[in-house]
Amino acid sequence: MNKKINDIGDEAIQEWSRHYDSIVWTINSIFIPVIGGLLIYSYGQDTPAAAAPIVGLGLILFVLFYISGFRAFRHNLHSKIENPALRDFLRDPYQRRGLRQWDLYAVCMFAVTPAFVYRLFAAFKGPRIVYVGITILMGILIWYLWQRGTSESGSNTSKPNGTVSQS
């Protein structure tokens, strides 16, 4: 990173980290109910329309894209913290223990995908292979975004001398 980020100090980095965490929660609190509402709306229609499932699938990718980006940026901020104890405290506490919140979040987003694809299928009544393909494509994109948020934010460990390395 540039020299400016190295000169701002641990306290300012913590403040920026809180700021980006607040943005993530804001994105969640706005778009998750919209995704749920679109799903309910698409199943509440007697004649299914394609717009709600298409927008729902797009919003799933949009939310995961932004949240994974903020996780990566926050990791970048944390890697500049000089105090190793503080840096380890601010990192994902579950990085070495089983299922993490980010993992479950991405799994939940993927779990909603087939429901939207099913409603898309009901609207168009096309060949099933197309909808299986859409589900697989969404799965690949969700997996990529999950990896982006995981590999850039949870796979680093601190060495005893305070430097950061990829594991």
C-alpha atoms as a PDB file:
ATOM      1  CA  MET A   1       0.000   0.000   0.000  1.00  0.00           C
ATOM      2  CA  ASN A   2       1.043   3.580  -0.251  1.00  0.00           C
ATOM      3  CA  LYS A   3       2.999   5.459   2.385  1.00  0.00           C
ATOM      4  CA  LYS A   4      -0.075   7.314   3.648  1.00  0.00           C
ATOM      5  CA  ILE A   5      -1.728   4.180   5.045  1.00  0.00           C
ATOM      6  CA  ASN A   6       1.497   3.258   6.833  1.00  0.00           C
ATOM      7  CA  ASP A   7       1.645   6.683   8.495  1.00  0.00           C
ATOM      8  CA  ILE A   8      -1.899   6.965   9.856  1.00  0.00           C
ATOM      9  CA  GLY A   9      -1.398   4.776  12.924  1.00  0.00           C
ATOM     10  CA  ASP A  10      -3.258   1.964  14.617  1.00  0.00           C
ATOM     11  CA  GLU A  11      -6.037   4.149  16.062  1.00  0.00           C
ATOM     12  CA  ALA A  12      -6.984   5.626  12.687  1.00  0.00           C
ATOM     13  CA  ILE A  13      -6.869   2.180  11.095  1.00  0.00           C
ATOM     14  CA  GLN A  14      -9.279   0.904  13.763  1.00  0.00           C
ATOM     15  CA  GLU A  15     -11.592   3.825  13.019  1.00  0.00           C
ATOM     16  CA  TRP A  16     -11.556   3.080   9.279  1.00  0.00           C
ATOM     17  CA  SER A  17     -12.156  -0.591  10.042  1.00  0.00           C
ATOM     18  CA  ARG A  18     -15.242   0.307  12.096  1.00  0.00           C
ATOM     19  CA  HIS A  19     -16.407   2.550   9.275  1.00  0.00           C
ATOM     20  CA  TYR A  20     -16.222  -0.265   6.709  1.00  0.00           C
ATOM     21  CA  ASP A  21     -17.870  -2.668   9.147  1.00  0.00           C
ATOM     22  CA  SER A  22     -20.747  -0.188   9.487  1.00  0.00           C
ATOM     23  CA  ILE A  23     -21.064  -0.038   5.702  1.00  0.00           C
ATOM     24  CA  VAL A  24     -21.269  -3.842   5.544  1.00  0.00           C
ATOM     25  CA  TRP A  25     -24.071  -3.892   8.117  1.00  0.00           C
ATOM     26  CA  THR A  26     -25.873  -1.105   6.272  1.00  0.00           C
ATOM     27  CA  ILE A  27     -25.683  -3.027   2.994  1.00  0.00           C
ATOM     28  CA  ASN A  28     -26.979  -6.123   4.788  1.00  0.00           C
ATOM     29  CA  SER A  29     -29.826  -4.333   6.508  1.00  0.00           C
ATOM     30  CA  ILE A  30     -30.987  -2.772   3.235  1.00  0.00           C
ATOM     31  CA  PHE A  31     -30.578  -5.569   0.716  1.00  0.00           C
ATOM     32  CA  ILE A  32     -31.263  -8.781   2.654  1.00  0.00           C
ATOM     33  CA  PRO A  33     -34.910  -7.782   3.347  1.00  0.00           C
ATOM     34  CA  VAL A  34     -35.229  -6.738  -0.310  1.00  0.00           C
ATOM     35  CA  ILE A  35     -33.976 -10.158  -1.443  1.00  0.00           C
ATOM     36  CA  GLY A  36     -36.396 -11.866   0.969  1.00  0.00           C
ATOM     37  CA  GLY A  37     -39.240  -9.617  -0.175  1.00  0.00           C
ATOM     38  CA  LEU A  38     -38.544 -10.399  -3.817  1.00  0.00           C
ATOM     39  CA  LEU A  39     -38.570 -14.110  -3.031  1.00  0.00           C
ATOM     40  CA  ILE A  40     -41.892 -13.832  -1.189  1.00  0.00           C
ATOM     41  CA  TYR A  41     -43.323 -11.651  -3.957  1.00  0.00           C
ATOM     42  CA  SER A  42     -42.251 -14.079  -6.687  1.00  0.00           C
ATOM     43  CA  TYR A  43     -43.937 -16.994  -4.910  1.00  0.00           C
ATOM     44  CA  GLY A  44     -47.049 -14.952  -4.117  1.00  0.00           C
ATOM     45  CA  GLN A  45     -47.937 -14.416  -7.764  1.00  0.00           C
ATOM     46  CA  ASP A  46     -50.351 -16.787  -9.505  1.00  0.00           C
ATOM     47  CA  THR A  47     -48.706 -16.020 -12.819  1.00  0.00           C
ATOM     48  CA  PRO A  48     -44.969 -15.940 -12.212  1.00  0.00           C
ATOM     49  CA  ALA A  49     -43.052 -13.015 -13.657  1.00  0.00           C
ATOM     50  CA  ALA A  50     -39.365 -13.199 -14.507  1.00  0.00           C
ATOM     51  CA  ALA A  51     -38.426  -9.756 -13.159  1.00  0.00           C
ATOM     52  CA  ALA A  52     -38.441 -10.612  -9.429  1.00  0.00           C
ATOM     53  CA  PRO A  53     -36.231 -13.723  -9.720  1.00  0.00           C
ATOM     54  CA  ILE A  54     -33.786 -11.975 -12.072  1.00  0.00           C
ATOM     55  CA  VAL A  55     -33.499  -8.968  -9.765  1.00  0.00           C
ATOM     56  CA  GLY A  56     -33.184 -11.287  -6.747  1.00  0.00           C
ATOM     57  CA  LEU A  57     -30.327 -13.237  -8.320  1.00  0.00           C
ATOM     58  CA  GLY A  58     -28.627  -9.995  -9.297  1.00  0.00           C
ATOM     59  CA  LEU A  59     -28.950  -8.601  -5.773  1.00  0.00           C
ATOM     60  CA  ILE A  60     -27.433 -11.761  -4.303  1.00  0.00           C
ATOM     61  CA  LEU A  61     -24.346 -11.239  -6.466  1.00  0.00           C
ATOM     62  CA  PHE A  62     -24.328  -7.482  -5.752  1.00  0.00           C
ATOM     63  CA  VAL A  63     -24.399  -7.962  -1.976  1.00  0.00           C
ATOM     64  CA  LEU A  64     -21.731 -10.669  -2.010  1.00  0.00           C
ATOM     65  CA  PHE A  65     -19.535  -8.573  -4.319  1.00  0.00           C
ATOM     66  CA  TYR A  66     -19.594  -5.545  -2.048  1.00  0.00           C
ATOM     67  CA  ILE A  67     -19.262  -7.427   1.220  1.00  0.00           C
ATOM     68  CA  SER A  68     -16.350  -9.537  -0.042  1.00  0.00           C
ATOM     69  CA  GLY A  69     -14.671  -6.339  -1.272  1.00  0.00           C
ATOM     70  CA  PHE A  70     -15.097  -4.637   2.093  1.00  0.00           C
ATOM     71  CA  ARG A  71     -13.736  -7.717   3.859  1.00  0.00           C
ATOM     72  CA  ALA A  72     -10.679  -7.629   1.596  1.00  0.00           C
ATOM     73  CA  PHE A  73     -10.164  -3.901   2.168  1.00  0.00           C
ATOM     74  CA  ARG A  74     -10.567  -4.280   5.919  1.00  0.00           C
ATOM     75  CA  HIS A  75      -7.989  -7.061   5.874  1.00  0.00           C
ATOM     76  CA  ASN A  76      -5.643  -4.720   4.054  1.00  0.00           C
ATOM     77  CA  LEU A  77      -6.145  -2.137   6.796  1.00  0.00           C
ATOM     78  CA  HIS A  78      -5.575  -4.704   9.528  1.00  0.00           C
ATOM     79  CA  SER A  79      -2.350  -5.898   7.943  1.00  0.00           C
ATOM     80  CA  LYS A  80      -0.914  -2.392   8.509  1.00  0.00           C
ATOM     81  CA  ILE A  81      -1.521  -2.433  12.265  1.00  0.00           C
ATOM     82  CA  GLU A  82       1.807  -2.493  14.044  1.00  0.00           C
ATOM     83  CA  ASN A  83       0.581  -3.967  17.356  1.00  0.00           C
ATOM     84  CA  PRO A  84       0.417  -7.749  16.723  1.00  0.00           C
ATOM     85  CA  ALA A  85      -2.003  -8.400  19.601  1.00  0.00           C
ATOM     86  CA  LEU A  86      -4.415  -5.770  18.281  1.00  0.00           C
ATOM     87  CA  ARG A  87      -4.057  -7.055  14.711  1.00  0.00           C
ATOM     88  CA  ASP A  88      -4.884 -10.614  15.786  1.00  0.00           C
ATOM     89  CA  PHE A  89      -7.824  -9.384  17.880  1.00  0.00           C
ATOM     90  CA  LEU A  90      -9.353  -7.507  14.941  1.00  0.00           C
ATOM     91  CA  ARG A  91      -9.036 -10.447  12.558  1.00  0.00           C
ATOM     92  CA  ASP A  92     -11.678 -13.085  12.136  1.00  0.00           C
ATOM     93  CA  PRO A  93     -11.691 -15.001  15.466  1.00  0.00           C
ATOM     94  CA  TYR A  94     -13.033 -18.130  13.767  1.00  0.00           C
ATOM     95  CA  GLN A  95     -10.370 -18.402  11.077  1.00  0.00           C
ATOM     96  CA  ARG A  96      -8.987 -21.622  12.500  1.00  0.00           C
ATOM     97  CA  ARG A  97     -12.179 -23.144  13.952  1.00  0.00           C
ATOM     98  CA  GLY A  98     -14.748 -24.681  11.643  1.00  0.00           C
ATOM     99  CA  LEU A  99     -17.616 -22.748  10.121  1.00  0.00           C
ATOM    100  CA  ARG A 100     -17.203 -18.971  10.195  1.00  0.00           C
ATOM    101  CA  GLN A 101     -19.895 -16.309   9.889  1.00  0.00           C
ATOM    102  CA  TRP A 102     -18.756 -15.423   6.366  1.00  0.00           C
ATOM    103  CA  ASP A 103     -18.998 -19.082   5.319  1.00  0.00           C
ATOM    104  CA  LEU A 104     -22.539 -19.388   6.647  1.00  0.00           C
ATOM    105  CA  TYR A 105     -23.526 -16.085   5.038  1.00  0.00           C
ATOM    106  CA  ALA A 106     -22.374 -17.270   1.598  1.00  0.00           C
ATOM    107  CA  VAL A 107     -24.084 -20.660   2.079  1.00  0.00           C
ATOM    108  CA  CYS A 108     -27.364 -18.906   2.944  1.00  0.00           C
ATOM    109  CA  MET A 109     -27.081 -16.747  -0.163  1.00  0.00           C
ATOM    110  CA  PHE A 110     -26.509 -19.847  -2.270  1.00  0.00           C
ATOM    111  CA  ALA A 111     -29.429 -21.640  -0.569  1.00  0.00           C
ATOM    112  CA  VAL A 112     -31.831 -18.931  -1.791  1.00  0.00           C
ATOM    113  CA  THR A 113     -30.565 -19.204  -5.373  1.00  0.00           C
ATOM    114  CA  PRO A 114     -32.495 -22.362  -6.410  1.00  0.00           C
ATOM    115  CA  ALA A 115     -35.734 -20.814  -5.147  1.00  0.00           C
ATOM    116  CA  PHE A 116     -35.263 -17.826  -7.461  1.00  0.00           C
ATOM    117  CA  VAL A 117     -34.187 -20.072 -10.337  1.00  0.00           C
ATOM    118  CA  TYR A 118     -37.287 -22.239  -9.836  1.00  0.00           C
ATOM    119  CA  ARG A 119     -39.525 -19.164 -10.142  1.00  0.00           C
ATOM    120  CA  LEU A 120     -37.597 -18.107 -13.225  1.00  0.00           C
ATOM    121  CA  PHE A 121     -38.261 -21.572 -14.656  1.00  0.00           C
ATOM    122  CA  ALA A 122     -41.971 -21.217 -13.843  1.00  0.00           C
ATOM    123  CA  ALA A 123     -42.086 -17.885 -15.704  1.00  0.00           C
ATOM    124  CA  PHE A 124     -40.330 -19.031 -18.884  1.00  0.00           C
ATOM    125  CA  LYS A 125     -41.040 -22.783 -18.940  1.00  0.00           C
ATOM    126  CA  GLY A 126     -37.871 -23.417 -20.904  1.00  0.00           C
ATOM    127  CA  PRO A 127     -35.640 -26.493 -20.958  1.00  0.00           C
ATOM    128  CA  ARG A 128     -34.633 -27.544 -17.453  1.00  0.00           C
ATOM    129  CA  ILE A 129     -30.987 -27.787 -18.431  1.00  0.00           C
ATOM    130  CA  VAL A 130     -30.911 -23.996 -18.837  1.00  0.00           C
ATOM    131  CA  TYR A 131     -32.072 -23.520 -15.257  1.00  0.00           C
ATOM    132  CA  VAL A 132     -29.691 -26.138 -13.937  1.00  0.00           C
ATOM    133  CA  GLY A 133     -26.988 -24.220 -15.799  1.00  0.00           C
ATOM    134  CA  ILE A 134     -28.122 -20.919 -14.237  1.00  0.00           C
ATOM    135  CA  THR A 135     -27.984 -22.490 -10.776  1.00  0.00           C
ATOM    136  CA  ILE A 136     -24.509 -23.882 -11.448  1.00  0.00           C
ATOM    137  CA  LEU A 137     -23.323 -20.526 -12.823  1.00  0.00           C
ATOM    138  CA  MET A 138     -24.692 -18.723  -9.759  1.00  0.00           C
ATOM    139  CA  GLY A 139     -22.981 -21.316  -7.571  1.00  0.00           C
ATOM    140  CA  ILE A 140     -19.651 -20.674  -9.299  1.00  0.00           C
ATOM    141  CA  LEU A 141     -20.032 -16.898  -8.965  1.00  0.00           C
ATOM    142  CA  ILE A 142     -21.035 -17.187  -5.302  1.00  0.00           C
ATOM    143  CA  TRP A 143     -18.102 -19.520  -4.671  1.00  0.00           C
ATOM    144  CA  TYR A 144     -15.725 -17.013  -6.328  1.00  0.00           C
ATOM    145  CA  LEU A 145     -17.055 -14.132  -4.222  1.00  0.00           C
ATOM    146  CA  TRP A 146     -16.926 -16.278  -1.075  1.00  0.00           C
ATOM    147  CA  GLN A 147     -13.299 -17.135  -1.835  1.00  0.00           C
ATOM    148  CA  ARG A 148     -12.533 -13.478  -2.508  1.00  0.00           C
ATOM    149  CA  GLY A 149     -13.886 -12.539   0.916  1.00  0.00           C
ATOM    150  CA  THR A 150     -12.244 -15.506   2.618  1.00  0.00           C
ATOM    151  CA  SER A 151      -8.788 -15.643   1.083  1.00  0.00           C
ATOM    152  CA  GLU A 152      -8.152 -11.924   1.412  1.00  0.00           C
ATOM    153  CA  SER A 153      -9.502 -11.581   4.922  1.00  0.00           C
ATOM    154  CA  GLY A 154      -9.155 -14.798   6.866  1.00  0.00           C
ATOM    155  CA  SER A 155      -6.163 -16.726   5.633  1.00  0.00           C
ATOM    156  CA  ASN A 156      -3.362 -14.615   7.024  1.00  0.00           C
ATOM    157  CA  THR A 157      -1.583 -15.255  10.248  1.00  0.00           C
ATOM    158  CA  SER A 158       0.813 -13.167  12.276  1.00  0.00           C
ATOM    159  CA  LYS A 159       4.355 -14.268  12.838  1.00  0.00           C
ATOM    160  CA  PRO A 160       5.832 -13.746  16.314  1.00  0.00           C
ATOM    161  CA  ASN A 161       7.831 -10.719  15.107  1.00  0.00           C
ATOM    162  CA  GLY A 162       4.610  -8.967  14.023  1.00  0.00           C
ATOM    163  CA  THR A 163       4.929  -9.399  10.279  1.00  0.00           C
ATOM    164  CA  VAL A 164       2.103 -10.843   8.248  1.00  0.00           C
ATOM    165  CA  SER A 165       2.402 -13.823   5.925  1.00  0.00           C
ATOM    166  CA  GLN A 166       0.051 -15.810   3.734  1.00  0.00           C
ATOM    167  CA  SER A 167      -0.660 -19.304   5.025  1.00  0.00           C
END
